[in-house]
Amino acid sequence: DYDPAFQSSIIAATTVAYFTWGIIHHKIHHDLGVRIILE
C-alpha cells in the first residue's frame, strides 16, 4: 500500500492472469469463442 506504482503493476498482472485463466479454462472445456474472449 505504500507504493502506488507497484500496486498498479500488481493490478495489471492480476488482470492479465485472470484473462489468461479464463481463456485456458474455456479452451479446456471446448466452449471458447469470441464472445467469451470479449467478456
Full PDB file with SEQRES, HELIX, SHEET, SSBOND, CRYST1, ORIGX, SCALE, CONECT and MASTER records, all heavy atoms in Angstrom:
SEQRES   1 A   39  ASP TYR ASP PRO ALA PHE GLN SER SER ILE ILE ALA ALA          
SEQRES   2 A   39  THR THR VAL ALA TYR PHE THR TRP GLY ILE ILE HIS HIS          
SEQRES   3 A   39  LYS ILE HIS HIS ASP LEU GLY VAL ARG ILE ILE LEU GLU          
HELIX    1 AA1 PRO A    4  ILE A   28  1                                  25    
HELIX    2 AA2 VAL A   34  LEU A   38  1                                   5    
CRYST1    1.000    1.000    1.000  90.00  90.00  90.00 P 1           1          
ORIGX1      1.000000  0.000000  0.000000        0.00000                         
ORIGX2      0.000000  1.000000  0.000000        0.00000                         
ORIGX3      0.000000  0.000000  1.000000        0.00000                         
SCALE1      1.000000  0.000000  0.000000        0.00000                         
SCALE2      0.000000  1.000000  0.000000        0.00000                         
SCALE3      0.000000  0.000000  1.000000        0.00000                         
ATOM      1  N   ASP A   1       0.802  -1.213   0.000  1.00  0.00           N  
ATOM      2  CA  ASP A   1       0.000   0.000   0.000  1.00  0.00           C  
ATOM      3  C   ASP A   1       0.842   1.273   0.000  1.00  0.00           C  
ATOM      4  O   ASP A   1       0.359   2.345  -0.352  1.00  0.00           O  
ATOM      5  CB  ASP A   1      -0.980   0.010   1.173  1.00  0.00           C  
ATOM      6  CG  ASP A   1      -0.289   0.021   2.527  1.00  0.00           C  
ATOM      7  OD1 ASP A   1       0.909  -0.331   2.598  1.00  0.00           O  
ATOM      8  OD2 ASP A   1      -0.955   0.382   3.520  1.00  0.00           O  
ATOM      9  N   TYR A   2       2.109   1.172   0.338  1.00  0.00           N  
ATOM     10  CA  TYR A   2       3.000   2.327   0.360  1.00  0.00           C  
ATOM     11  C   TYR A   2       3.588   2.668  -1.019  1.00  0.00           C  
ATOM     12  O   TYR A   2       4.225   3.704  -1.172  1.00  0.00           O  
ATOM     13  CB  TYR A   2       4.153   2.089   1.342  1.00  0.00           C  
ATOM     14  CG  TYR A   2       4.998   0.872   1.011  1.00  0.00           C  
ATOM     15  CD1 TYR A   2       6.084   0.981   0.151  1.00  0.00           C  
ATOM     16  CD2 TYR A   2       4.690  -0.369   1.553  1.00  0.00           C  
ATOM     17  CE1 TYR A   2       6.852  -0.133  -0.173  1.00  0.00           C  
ATOM     18  CE2 TYR A   2       5.450  -1.475   1.239  1.00  0.00           C  
ATOM     19  CZ  TYR A   2       6.534  -1.359   0.386  1.00  0.00           C  
ATOM     20  OH  TYR A   2       7.279  -2.456   0.075  1.00  0.00           O  
ATOM     21  N   ASP A   3       3.373   1.806  -2.015  1.00  0.00           N  
ATOM     22  CA  ASP A   3       3.959   2.009  -3.348  1.00  0.00           C  
ATOM     23  C   ASP A   3       2.871   1.914  -4.425  1.00  0.00           C  
ATOM     24  O   ASP A   3       2.610   0.840  -4.962  1.00  0.00           O  
ATOM     25  CB  ASP A   3       5.041   0.964  -3.577  1.00  0.00           C  
ATOM     26  CG  ASP A   3       5.874   1.227  -4.815  1.00  0.00           C  
ATOM     27  OD1 ASP A   3       5.523   2.129  -5.597  1.00  0.00           O  
ATOM     28  OD2 ASP A   3       6.883   0.512  -5.001  1.00  0.00           O  
ATOM     29  N   PRO A   4       2.236   3.043  -4.749  1.00  0.00           N  
ATOM     30  CA  PRO A   4       1.142   3.027  -5.729  1.00  0.00           C  
ATOM     31  C   PRO A   4       1.552   2.516  -7.112  1.00  0.00           C  
ATOM     32  O   PRO A   4       0.752   1.880  -7.794  1.00  0.00           O  
ATOM     33  CB  PRO A   4       0.700   4.487  -5.810  1.00  0.00           C  
ATOM     34  CG  PRO A   4       1.176   5.114  -4.550  1.00  0.00           C  
ATOM     35  CD  PRO A   4       2.418   4.371  -4.163  1.00  0.00           C  
ATOM     36  N   ALA A   5       2.793   2.774  -7.512  1.00  0.00           N  
ATOM     37  CA  ALA A   5       3.244   2.301  -8.827  1.00  0.00           C  
ATOM     38  C   ALA A   5       3.311   0.768  -8.846  1.00  0.00           C  
ATOM     39  O   ALA A   5       2.904   0.132  -9.826  1.00  0.00           O  
ATOM     40  CB  ALA A   5       4.609   2.896  -9.168  1.00  0.00           C  
ATOM     41  N   PHE A   6       3.798   0.188  -7.749  1.00  0.00           N  
ATOM     42  CA  PHE A   6       3.868  -1.274  -7.689  1.00  0.00           C  
ATOM     43  C   PHE A   6       2.470  -1.873  -7.563  1.00  0.00           C  
ATOM     44  O   PHE A   6       2.201  -2.940  -8.108  1.00  0.00           O  
ATOM     45  CB  PHE A   6       4.770  -1.724  -6.545  1.00  0.00           C  
ATOM     46  CG  PHE A   6       5.163  -3.166  -6.629  1.00  0.00           C  
ATOM     47  CD1 PHE A   6       5.920  -3.633  -7.699  1.00  0.00           C  
ATOM     48  CD2 PHE A   6       4.762  -4.066  -5.661  1.00  0.00           C  
ATOM     49  CE1 PHE A   6       6.269  -4.970  -7.798  1.00  0.00           C  
ATOM     50  CE2 PHE A   6       5.116  -5.397  -5.749  1.00  0.00           C  
ATOM     51  CZ  PHE A   6       5.872  -5.852  -6.814  1.00  0.00           C  
ATOM     52  N   GLN A   7       1.589  -1.197  -6.856  1.00  0.00           N  
ATOM     53  CA  GLN A   7       0.200  -1.651  -6.780  1.00  0.00           C  
ATOM     54  C   GLN A   7      -0.424  -1.700  -8.172  1.00  0.00           C  
ATOM     55  O   GLN A   7      -1.132  -2.647  -8.496  1.00  0.00           O  
ATOM     56  CB  GLN A   7      -0.637  -0.728  -5.892  1.00  0.00           C  
ATOM     57  CG  GLN A   7      -0.497  -0.976  -4.428  1.00  0.00           C  
ATOM     58  CD  GLN A   7      -1.424  -0.076  -3.633  1.00  0.00           C  
ATOM     59  OE1 GLN A   7      -1.641   1.091  -3.978  1.00  0.00           O  
ATOM     60  NE2 GLN A   7      -1.960  -0.618  -2.562  1.00  0.00           N  
ATOM     61  N   SER A   8      -0.145  -0.705  -8.979  1.00  0.00           N  
ATOM     62  CA  SER A   8      -0.655  -0.698 -10.351  1.00  0.00           C  
ATOM     63  C   SER A   8      -0.097  -1.869 -11.142  1.00  0.00           C  
ATOM     64  O   SER A   8      -0.803  -2.478 -11.948  1.00  0.00           O  
ATOM     65  CB  SER A   8      -0.296   0.618 -11.048  1.00  0.00           C  
ATOM     66  OG  SER A   8      -0.946   1.687 -10.421  1.00  0.00           O  
ATOM     67  N   SER A   9       1.164  -2.198 -10.910  1.00  0.00           N  
ATOM     68  CA  SER A   9       1.766  -3.362 -11.573  1.00  0.00           C  
ATOM     69  C   SER A   9       1.104  -4.657 -11.127  1.00  0.00           C  
ATOM     70  O   SER A   9       0.872  -5.554 -11.937  1.00  0.00           O  
ATOM     71  CB  SER A   9       3.264  -3.426 -11.273  1.00  0.00           C  
ATOM     72  OG  SER A   9       3.917  -2.289 -11.754  1.00  0.00           O  
ATOM     73  N   ILE A  10       0.805  -4.755  -9.848  1.00  0.00           N  
ATOM     74  CA  ILE A  10       0.126  -5.943  -9.327  1.00  0.00           C  
ATOM     75  C   ILE A  10      -1.273  -6.058  -9.931  1.00  0.00           C  
ATOM     76  O   ILE A  10      -1.704  -7.150 -10.322  1.00  0.00           O  
ATOM     77  CB  ILE A  10       0.055  -5.909  -7.783  1.00  0.00           C  
ATOM     78  CG1 ILE A  10       1.453  -6.051  -7.197  1.00  0.00           C  
ATOM     79  CG2 ILE A  10      -0.876  -6.997  -7.252  1.00  0.00           C  
ATOM     80  CD1 ILE A  10       1.520  -5.794  -5.705  1.00  0.00           C  
ATOM     81  N   ILE A  11      -1.975  -4.954 -10.030  1.00  0.00           N  
ATOM     82  CA  ILE A  11      -3.308  -4.957 -10.630  1.00  0.00           C  
ATOM     83  C   ILE A  11      -3.231  -5.388 -12.084  1.00  0.00           C  
ATOM     84  O   ILE A  11      -4.041  -6.207 -12.541  1.00  0.00           O  
ATOM     85  CB  ILE A  11      -3.973  -3.569 -10.482  1.00  0.00           C  
ATOM     86  CG1 ILE A  11      -4.281  -3.291  -9.015  1.00  0.00           C  
ATOM     87  CG2 ILE A  11      -5.232  -3.473 -11.328  1.00  0.00           C  
ATOM     88  CD1 ILE A  11      -4.683  -1.855  -8.724  1.00  0.00           C  
ATOM     89  N   ALA A  12      -2.255  -4.864 -12.818  1.00  0.00           N  
ATOM     90  CA  ALA A  12      -2.098  -5.237 -14.228  1.00  0.00           C  
ATOM     91  C   ALA A  12      -1.765  -6.726 -14.362  1.00  0.00           C  
ATOM     92  O   ALA A  12      -2.330  -7.425 -15.216  1.00  0.00           O  
ATOM     93  CB  ALA A  12      -1.006  -4.388 -14.877  1.00  0.00           C  
ATOM     94  N   ALA A  13      -0.877  -7.226 -13.512  1.00  0.00           N  
ATOM     95  CA  ALA A  13      -0.507  -8.649 -13.566  1.00  0.00           C  
ATOM     96  C   ALA A  13      -1.693  -9.537 -13.204  1.00  0.00           C  
ATOM     97  O   ALA A  13      -1.917 -10.583 -13.836  1.00  0.00           O  
ATOM     98  CB  ALA A  13       0.665  -8.923 -12.622  1.00  0.00           C  
ATOM     99  N   THR A  14      -2.467  -9.134 -12.217  1.00  0.00           N  
ATOM    100  CA  THR A  14      -3.646  -9.900 -11.828  1.00  0.00           C  
ATOM    101  C   THR A  14      -4.682  -9.889 -12.948  1.00  0.00           C  
ATOM    102  O   THR A  14      -5.322 -10.909 -13.225  1.00  0.00           O  
ATOM    103  CB  THR A  14      -4.256  -9.329 -10.530  1.00  0.00           C  
ATOM    104  OG1 THR A  14      -3.251  -9.324  -9.509  1.00  0.00           O  
ATOM    105  CG2 THR A  14      -5.440 -10.142 -10.061  1.00  0.00           C  
ATOM    106  N   THR A  15      -4.820  -8.761 -13.615  1.00  0.00           N  
ATOM    107  CA  THR A  15      -5.742  -8.649 -14.740  1.00  0.00           C  
ATOM    108  C   THR A  15      -5.348  -9.591 -15.871  1.00  0.00           C  
ATOM    109  O   THR A  15      -6.186 -10.325 -16.412  1.00  0.00           O  
ATOM    110  CB  THR A  15      -5.775  -7.196 -15.256  1.00  0.00           C  
ATOM    111  OG1 THR A  15      -6.229  -6.353 -14.201  1.00  0.00           O  
ATOM    112  CG2 THR A  15      -6.681  -7.048 -16.455  1.00  0.00           C  
ATOM    113  N   VAL A  16      -4.078  -9.596 -16.212  1.00  0.00           N  
ATOM    114  CA  VAL A  16      -3.590 -10.474 -17.278  1.00  0.00           C  
ATOM    115  C   VAL A  16      -3.757 -11.942 -16.877  1.00  0.00           C  
ATOM    116  O   VAL A  16      -4.171 -12.773 -17.691  1.00  0.00           O  
ATOM    117  CB  VAL A  16      -2.122 -10.150 -17.620  1.00  0.00           C  
ATOM    118  CG1 VAL A  16      -1.516 -11.205 -18.528  1.00  0.00           C  
ATOM    119  CG2 VAL A  16      -2.019  -8.781 -18.257  1.00  0.00           C  
ATOM    120  N   ALA A  17      -3.458 -12.261 -15.623  1.00  0.00           N  
ATOM    121  CA  ALA A  17      -3.590 -13.639 -15.152  1.00  0.00           C  
ATOM    122  C   ALA A  17      -5.051 -14.095 -15.181  1.00  0.00           C  
ATOM    123  O   ALA A  17      -5.351 -15.224 -15.584  1.00  0.00           O  
ATOM    124  CB  ALA A  17      -3.022 -13.767 -13.742  1.00  0.00           C  
ATOM    125  N   TYR A  18      -5.984 -13.224 -14.774  1.00  0.00           N  
ATOM    126  CA  TYR A  18      -7.408 -13.553 -14.802  1.00  0.00           C  
ATOM    127  C   TYR A  18      -7.877 -13.804 -16.231  1.00  0.00           C  
ATOM    128  O   TYR A  18      -8.569 -14.778 -16.513  1.00  0.00           O  
ATOM    129  CB  TYR A  18      -8.219 -12.421 -14.162  1.00  0.00           C  
ATOM    130  CG  TYR A  18      -9.711 -12.558 -14.363  1.00  0.00           C  
ATOM    131  CD1 TYR A  18     -10.448 -13.447 -13.596  1.00  0.00           C  
ATOM    132  CD2 TYR A  18     -10.378 -11.794 -15.320  1.00  0.00           C  
ATOM    133  CE1 TYR A  18     -11.818 -13.580 -13.780  1.00  0.00           C  
ATOM    134  CE2 TYR A  18     -11.740 -11.920 -15.508  1.00  0.00           C  
ATOM    135  CZ  TYR A  18     -12.455 -12.809 -14.735  1.00  0.00           C  
ATOM    136  OH  TYR A  18     -13.806 -12.941 -14.934  1.00  0.00           O  
ATOM    137  N   PHE A  19      -7.490 -12.915 -17.135  1.00  0.00           N  
ATOM    138  CA  PHE A  19      -7.865 -13.055 -18.539  1.00  0.00           C  
ATOM    139  C   PHE A  19      -7.302 -14.364 -19.111  1.00  0.00           C  
ATOM    140  O   PHE A  19      -8.017 -15.122 -19.770  1.00  0.00           O  
ATOM    141  CB  PHE A  19      -7.361 -11.854 -19.329  1.00  0.00           C  
ATOM    142  CG  PHE A  19      -7.641 -11.935 -20.798  1.00  0.00           C  
ATOM    143  CD1 PHE A  19      -8.916 -11.712 -21.283  1.00  0.00           C  
ATOM    144  CD2 PHE A  19      -6.637 -12.240 -21.694  1.00  0.00           C  
ATOM    145  CE1 PHE A  19      -9.192 -11.787 -22.644  1.00  0.00           C  
ATOM    146  CE2 PHE A  19      -6.892 -12.317 -23.059  1.00  0.00           C  
ATOM    147  CZ  PHE A  19      -8.177 -12.095 -23.529  1.00  0.00           C  
ATOM    148  N   THR A  20      -6.039 -14.637 -18.839  1.00  0.00           N  
ATOM    149  CA  THR A  20      -5.395 -15.863 -19.338  1.00  0.00           C  
ATOM    150  C   THR A  20      -6.064 -17.098 -18.752  1.00  0.00           C  
ATOM    151  O   THR A  20      -6.301 -18.069 -19.469  1.00  0.00           O  
ATOM    152  CB  THR A  20      -3.892 -15.840 -18.987  1.00  0.00           C  
ATOM    153  OG1 THR A  20      -3.314 -14.654 -19.532  1.00  0.00           O  
ATOM    154  CG2 THR A  20      -3.185 -17.053 -19.544  1.00  0.00           C  
ATOM    155  N   TRP A  21      -6.376 -17.068 -17.456  1.00  0.00           N  
ATOM    156  CA  TRP A  21      -7.056 -18.198 -16.834  1.00  0.00           C  
ATOM    157  C   TRP A  21      -8.393 -18.463 -17.527  1.00  0.00           C  
ATOM    158  O   TRP A  21      -8.735 -19.612 -17.800  1.00  0.00           O  
ATOM    159  CB  TRP A  21      -7.302 -17.943 -15.345  1.00  0.00           C  
ATOM    160  CG  TRP A  21      -8.072 -19.054 -14.721  1.00  0.00           C  
ATOM    161  CD1 TRP A  21      -7.578 -20.200 -14.173  1.00  0.00           C  
ATOM    162  CD2 TRP A  21      -9.505 -19.163 -14.629  1.00  0.00           C  
ATOM    163  NE1 TRP A  21      -8.620 -20.997 -13.747  1.00  0.00           N  
ATOM    164  CE2 TRP A  21      -9.795 -20.387 -14.017  1.00  0.00           C  
ATOM    165  CE3 TRP A  21     -10.551 -18.332 -15.014  1.00  0.00           C  
ATOM    166  CZ2 TRP A  21     -11.100 -20.803 -13.763  1.00  0.00           C  
ATOM    167  CZ3 TRP A  21     -11.848 -18.748 -14.766  1.00  0.00           C  
ATOM    168  CH2 TRP A  21     -12.117 -19.969 -14.146  1.00  0.00           C  
ATOM    169  N   GLY A  22      -9.137 -17.412 -17.813  1.00  0.00           N  
ATOM    170  CA  GLY A  22     -10.439 -17.581 -18.456  1.00  0.00           C  
ATOM    171  C   GLY A  22     -10.327 -18.213 -19.827  1.00  0.00           C  
ATOM    172  O   GLY A  22     -11.102 -19.103 -20.189  1.00  0.00           O  
ATOM    173  N   ILE A  23      -9.343 -17.780 -20.606  1.00  0.00           N  
ATOM    174  CA  ILE A  23      -9.153 -18.334 -21.950  1.00  0.00           C  
ATOM    175  C   ILE A  23      -8.770 -19.815 -21.856  1.00  0.00           C  
ATOM    176  O   ILE A  23      -9.343 -20.662 -22.555  1.00  0.00           O  
ATOM    177  CB  ILE A  23      -8.060 -17.543 -22.708  1.00  0.00           C  
ATOM    178  CG1 ILE A  23      -8.440 -16.072 -22.828  1.00  0.00           C  
ATOM    179  CG2 ILE A  23      -7.777 -18.162 -24.065  1.00  0.00           C  
ATOM    180  CD1 ILE A  23      -9.764 -15.808 -23.483  1.00  0.00           C  
ATOM    181  N   ILE A  24      -7.831 -20.124 -20.977  1.00  0.00           N  
ATOM    182  CA  ILE A  24      -7.401 -21.524 -20.821  1.00  0.00           C  
ATOM    183  C   ILE A  24      -8.558 -22.382 -20.323  1.00  0.00           C  
ATOM    184  O   ILE A  24      -8.780 -23.496 -20.813  1.00  0.00           O  
ATOM    185  CB  ILE A  24      -6.192 -21.611 -19.868  1.00  0.00           C  
ATOM    186  CG1 ILE A  24      -4.976 -20.977 -20.533  1.00  0.00           C  
ATOM    187  CG2 ILE A  24      -5.905 -23.055 -19.475  1.00  0.00           C  
ATOM    188  CD1 ILE A  24      -3.795 -20.773 -19.601  1.00  0.00           C  
ATOM    189  N   HIS A  25      -9.296 -21.884 -19.345  1.00  0.00           N  
ATOM    190  CA  HIS A  25     -10.423 -22.640 -18.780  1.00  0.00           C  
ATOM    191  C   HIS A  25     -11.448 -22.991 -19.855  1.00  0.00           C  
ATOM    192  O   HIS A  25     -11.894 -24.136 -19.952  1.00  0.00           O  
ATOM    193  CB  HIS A  25     -11.075 -21.824 -17.670  1.00  0.00           C  
ATOM    194  CG  HIS A  25     -12.307 -22.430 -17.102  1.00  0.00           C  
ATOM    195  ND1 HIS A  25     -12.279 -23.513 -16.254  1.00  0.00           N  
ATOM    196  CD2 HIS A  25     -13.620 -22.129 -17.268  1.00  0.00           C  
ATOM    197  CE1 HIS A  25     -13.515 -23.843 -15.928  1.00  0.00           C  
ATOM    198  NE2 HIS A  25     -14.351 -23.009 -16.530  1.00  0.00           N  
ATOM    199  N   HIS A  26     -11.813 -22.024 -20.663  1.00  0.00           N  
ATOM    200  CA  HIS A  26     -12.820 -22.283 -21.693  1.00  0.00           C  
ATOM    201  C   HIS A  26     -12.267 -23.101 -22.850  1.00  0.00           C  
ATOM    202  O   HIS A  26     -13.007 -23.841 -23.500  1.00  0.00           O  
ATOM    203  CB  HIS A  26     -13.445 -20.970 -22.170  1.00  0.00           C  
ATOM    204  CG  HIS A  26     -14.398 -20.413 -21.168  1.00  0.00           C  
ATOM    205  ND1 HIS A  26     -15.685 -20.874 -21.025  1.00  0.00           N  
ATOM    206  CD2 HIS A  26     -14.240 -19.455 -20.221  1.00  0.00           C  
ATOM    207  CE1 HIS A  26     -16.279 -20.217 -20.051  1.00  0.00           C  
ATOM    208  NE2 HIS A  26     -15.413 -19.351 -19.543  1.00  0.00           N  
ATOM    209  N   LYS A  27     -10.983 -22.985 -23.107  1.00  0.00           N  
ATOM    210  CA  LYS A  27     -10.358 -23.826 -24.136  1.00  0.00           C  
ATOM    211  C   LYS A  27     -10.395 -25.289 -23.699  1.00  0.00           C  
ATOM    212  O   LYS A  27     -10.692 -26.176 -24.505  1.00  0.00           O  
ATOM    213  CB  LYS A  27      -8.912 -23.356 -24.377  1.00  0.00           C  
ATOM    214  CG  LYS A  27      -8.170 -24.121 -25.420  1.00  0.00           C  
ATOM    215  CD  LYS A  27      -8.648 -23.744 -26.793  1.00  0.00           C  
ATOM    216  CE  LYS A  27      -7.735 -24.388 -27.837  1.00  0.00           C  
ATOM    217  NZ  LYS A  27      -8.323 -24.343 -29.153  1.00  0.00           N  
ATOM    218  N   ILE A  28     -10.120 -25.549 -22.437  1.00  0.00           N  
ATOM    219  CA  ILE A  28     -10.176 -26.917 -21.901  1.00  0.00           C  
ATOM    220  C   ILE A  28     -11.581 -27.483 -22.025  1.00  0.00           C  
ATOM    221  O   ILE A  28     -11.769 -28.651 -22.343  1.00  0.00           O  
ATOM    222  CB  ILE A  28      -9.701 -26.946 -20.433  1.00  0.00           C  
ATOM    223  CG1 ILE A  28      -8.190 -26.695 -20.367  1.00  0.00           C  
ATOM    224  CG2 ILE A  28     -10.053 -28.275 -19.762  1.00  0.00           C  
ATOM    225  CD1 ILE A  28      -7.671 -26.471 -18.965  1.00  0.00           C  
ATOM    226  N   HIS A  29     -12.584 -26.647 -21.787  1.00  0.00           N  
ATOM    227  CA  HIS A  29     -13.978 -27.095 -21.831  1.00  0.00           C  
ATOM    228  C   HIS A  29     -14.587 -27.009 -23.228  1.00  0.00           C  
ATOM    229  O   HIS A  29     -15.788 -27.255 -23.394  1.00  0.00           O  
ATOM    230  CB  HIS A  29     -14.823 -26.294 -20.836  1.00  0.00           C  
ATOM    231  CG  HIS A  29     -14.528 -26.658 -19.423  1.00  0.00           C  
ATOM    232  ND1 HIS A  29     -14.987 -27.809 -18.838  1.00  0.00           N  
ATOM    233  CD2 HIS A  29     -13.790 -26.030 -18.477  1.00  0.00           C  
ATOM    234  CE1 HIS A  29     -14.565 -27.877 -17.602  1.00  0.00           C  
ATOM    235  NE2 HIS A  29     -13.830 -26.806 -17.357  1.00  0.00           N  
ATOM    236  N   HIS A  30     -13.787 -26.661 -24.208  1.00  0.00           N  
ATOM    237  CA  HIS A  30     -14.204 -26.637 -25.616  1.00  0.00           C  
ATOM    238  C   HIS A  30     -15.389 -25.706 -25.878  1.00  0.00           C  
ATOM    239  O   HIS A  30     -16.244 -25.992 -26.705  1.00  0.00           O  
ATOM    240  CB  HIS A  30     -14.529 -28.044 -26.124  1.00  0.00           C  
ATOM    241  CG  HIS A  30     -13.423 -29.020 -25.907  1.00  0.00           C  
ATOM    242  ND1 HIS A  30     -12.240 -28.972 -26.608  1.00  0.00           N  
ATOM    243  CD2 HIS A  30     -13.304 -30.065 -25.050  1.00  0.00           C  
ATOM    244  CE1 HIS A  30     -11.446 -29.948 -26.201  1.00  0.00           C  
ATOM    245  NE2 HIS A  30     -12.064 -30.615 -25.253  1.00  0.00           N  
ATOM    246  N   ASP A  31     -15.443 -24.595 -25.150  1.00  0.00           N  
ATOM    247  CA  ASP A  31     -16.509 -23.632 -25.414  1.00  0.00           C  
ATOM    248  C   ASP A  31     -15.966 -22.211 -25.562  1.00  0.00           C  
ATOM    249  O   ASP A  31     -16.666 -21.233 -25.321  1.00  0.00           O  
ATOM    250  CB  ASP A  31     -17.599 -23.695 -24.338  1.00  0.00           C  
ATOM    251  CG  ASP A  31     -17.088 -23.378 -22.943  1.00  0.00           C  
ATOM    252  OD1 ASP A  31     -15.868 -23.246 -22.770  1.00  0.00           O  
ATOM    253  OD2 ASP A  31     -17.922 -23.268 -22.034  1.00  0.00           O  
ATOM    254  N   LEU A  32     -14.705 -22.116 -25.996  1.00  0.00           N  
ATOM    255  CA  LEU A  32     -14.086 -20.814 -26.192  1.00  0.00           C  
ATOM    256  C   LEU A  32     -14.557 -20.209 -27.506  1.00  0.00           C  
ATOM    257  O   LEU A  32     -14.561 -20.869 -28.537  1.00  0.00           O  
ATOM    258  CB  LEU A  32     -12.553 -20.958 -26.207  1.00  0.00           C  
ATOM    259  CG  LEU A  32     -11.763 -19.676 -26.361  1.00  0.00           C  
ATOM    260  CD1 LEU A  32     -12.027 -18.750 -25.173  1.00  0.00           C  
ATOM    261  CD2 LEU A  32     -10.286 -19.981 -26.476  1.00  0.00           C  
ATOM    262  N   GLY A  33     -14.980 -18.976 -27.427  1.00  0.00           N  
ATOM    263  CA  GLY A  33     -15.431 -18.260 -28.619  1.00  0.00           C  
ATOM    264  C   GLY A  33     -15.118 -16.785 -28.470  1.00  0.00           C  
ATOM    265  O   GLY A  33     -14.653 -16.322 -27.418  1.00  0.00           O  
ATOM    266  N   VAL A  34     -15.388 -16.043 -29.498  1.00  0.00           N  
ATOM    267  CA  VAL A  34     -15.091 -14.612 -29.500  1.00  0.00           C  
ATOM    268  C   VAL A  34     -15.872 -13.894 -28.402  1.00  0.00           C  
ATOM    269  O   VAL A  34     -15.332 -13.015 -27.720  1.00  0.00           O  
ATOM    270  CB  VAL A  34     -15.397 -14.001 -30.886  1.00  0.00           C  
ATOM    271  CG1 VAL A  34     -15.231 -12.489 -30.855  1.00  0.00           C  
ATOM    272  CG2 VAL A  34     -14.509 -14.613 -31.944  1.00  0.00           C  
ATOM    273  N   ARG A  35     -17.115 -14.269 -28.205  1.00  0.00           N  
ATOM    274  CA  ARG A  35     -17.931 -13.618 -27.169  1.00  0.00           C  
ATOM    275  C   ARG A  35     -17.338 -13.830 -25.778  1.00  0.00           C  
ATOM    276  O   ARG A  35     -17.326 -12.915 -24.950  1.00  0.00           O  
ATOM    277  CB  ARG A  35     -19.363 -14.131 -27.209  1.00  0.00           C  
ATOM    278  CG  ARG A  35     -20.100 -13.674 -28.472  1.00  0.00           C  
ATOM    279  CD  ARG A  35     -21.514 -14.137 -28.479  1.00  0.00           C  
ATOM    280  NE  ARG A  35     -22.247 -13.331 -27.486  1.00  0.00           N  
ATOM    281  CZ  ARG A  35     -23.485 -13.552 -27.111  1.00  0.00           C  
ATOM    282  NH1 ARG A  35     -24.159 -14.565 -27.652  1.00  0.00           N  
ATOM    283  NH2 ARG A  35     -24.089 -12.790 -26.244  1.00  0.00           N  
ATOM    284  N   ILE A  36     -16.848 -15.031 -25.511  1.00  0.00           N  
ATOM    285  CA  ILE A  36     -16.256 -15.317 -24.204  1.00  0.00           C  
ATOM    286  C   ILE A  36     -14.948 -14.542 -24.034  1.00  0.00           C  
ATOM    287  O   ILE A  36     -14.678 -13.981 -22.974  1.00  0.00           O  
ATOM    288  CB  ILE A  36     -16.061 -16.831 -24.017  1.00  0.00           C  
ATOM    289  CG1 ILE A  36     -17.423 -17.493 -23.857  1.00  0.00           C  
ATOM    290  CG2 ILE A  36     -15.152 -17.136 -22.824  1.00  0.00           C  
ATOM    291  CD1 ILE A  36     -17.421 -18.982 -23.747  1.00  0.00           C  
ATOM    292  N   ILE A  37     -14.150 -14.493 -25.081  1.00  0.00           N  
ATOM    293  CA  ILE A  37     -12.898 -13.735 -25.018  1.00  0.00           C  
ATOM    294  C   ILE A  37     -13.187 -12.264 -24.738  1.00  0.00           C  
ATOM    295  O   ILE A  37     -12.557 -11.646 -23.874  1.00  0.00           O  
ATOM    296  CB  ILE A  37     -12.093 -13.902 -26.322  1.00  0.00           C  
ATOM    297  CG1 ILE A  37     -11.602 -15.347 -26.456  1.00  0.00           C  
ATOM    298  CG2 ILE A  37     -10.918 -12.922 -26.366  1.00  0.00           C  
ATOM    299  CD1 ILE A  37     -10.993 -15.672 -27.805  1.00  0.00           C  
ATOM    300  N   LEU A  38     -14.167 -11.695 -25.442  1.00  0.00           N  
ATOM    301  CA  LEU A  38     -14.518 -10.293 -25.230  1.00  0.00           C  
ATOM    302  C   LEU A  38     -15.092 -10.062 -23.833  1.00  0.00           C  
ATOM    303  O   LEU A  38     -14.852  -9.016 -23.221  1.00  0.00           O  
ATOM    304  CB  LEU A  38     -15.500  -9.826 -26.301  1.00  0.00           C  
ATOM    305  CG  LEU A  38     -14.931  -9.743 -27.717  1.00  0.00           C  
ATOM    306  CD1 LEU A  38     -16.031  -9.367 -28.707  1.00  0.00           C  
ATOM    307  CD2 LEU A  38     -13.777  -8.763 -27.783  1.00  0.00           C  
ATOM    308  N   GLU A  39     -15.834 -11.037 -23.331  1.00  0.00           N  
ATOM    309  CA  GLU A  39     -16.380 -10.914 -21.981  1.00  0.00           C  
ATOM    310  C   GLU A  39     -15.261 -10.878 -20.950  1.00  0.00           C  
ATOM    311  O   GLU A  39     -15.247 -10.015 -20.060  1.00  0.00           O  
ATOM    312  CB  GLU A  39     -17.324 -12.075 -21.687  1.00  0.00           C  
ATOM    313  CG  GLU A  39     -17.912 -12.041 -20.297  1.00  0.00           C  
ATOM    314  CD  GLU A  39     -18.814 -13.227 -20.030  1.00  0.00           C  
ATOM    315  OE1 GLU A  39     -19.269 -13.895 -20.972  1.00  0.00           O  
ATOM    316  OE2 GLU A  39     -19.062 -13.483 -18.837  1.00  0.00           O  
TER     317      GLU A  39                                                      
MASTER        0    0    0    2    0    0    0    6  316    1    0    3          
END                                                                             
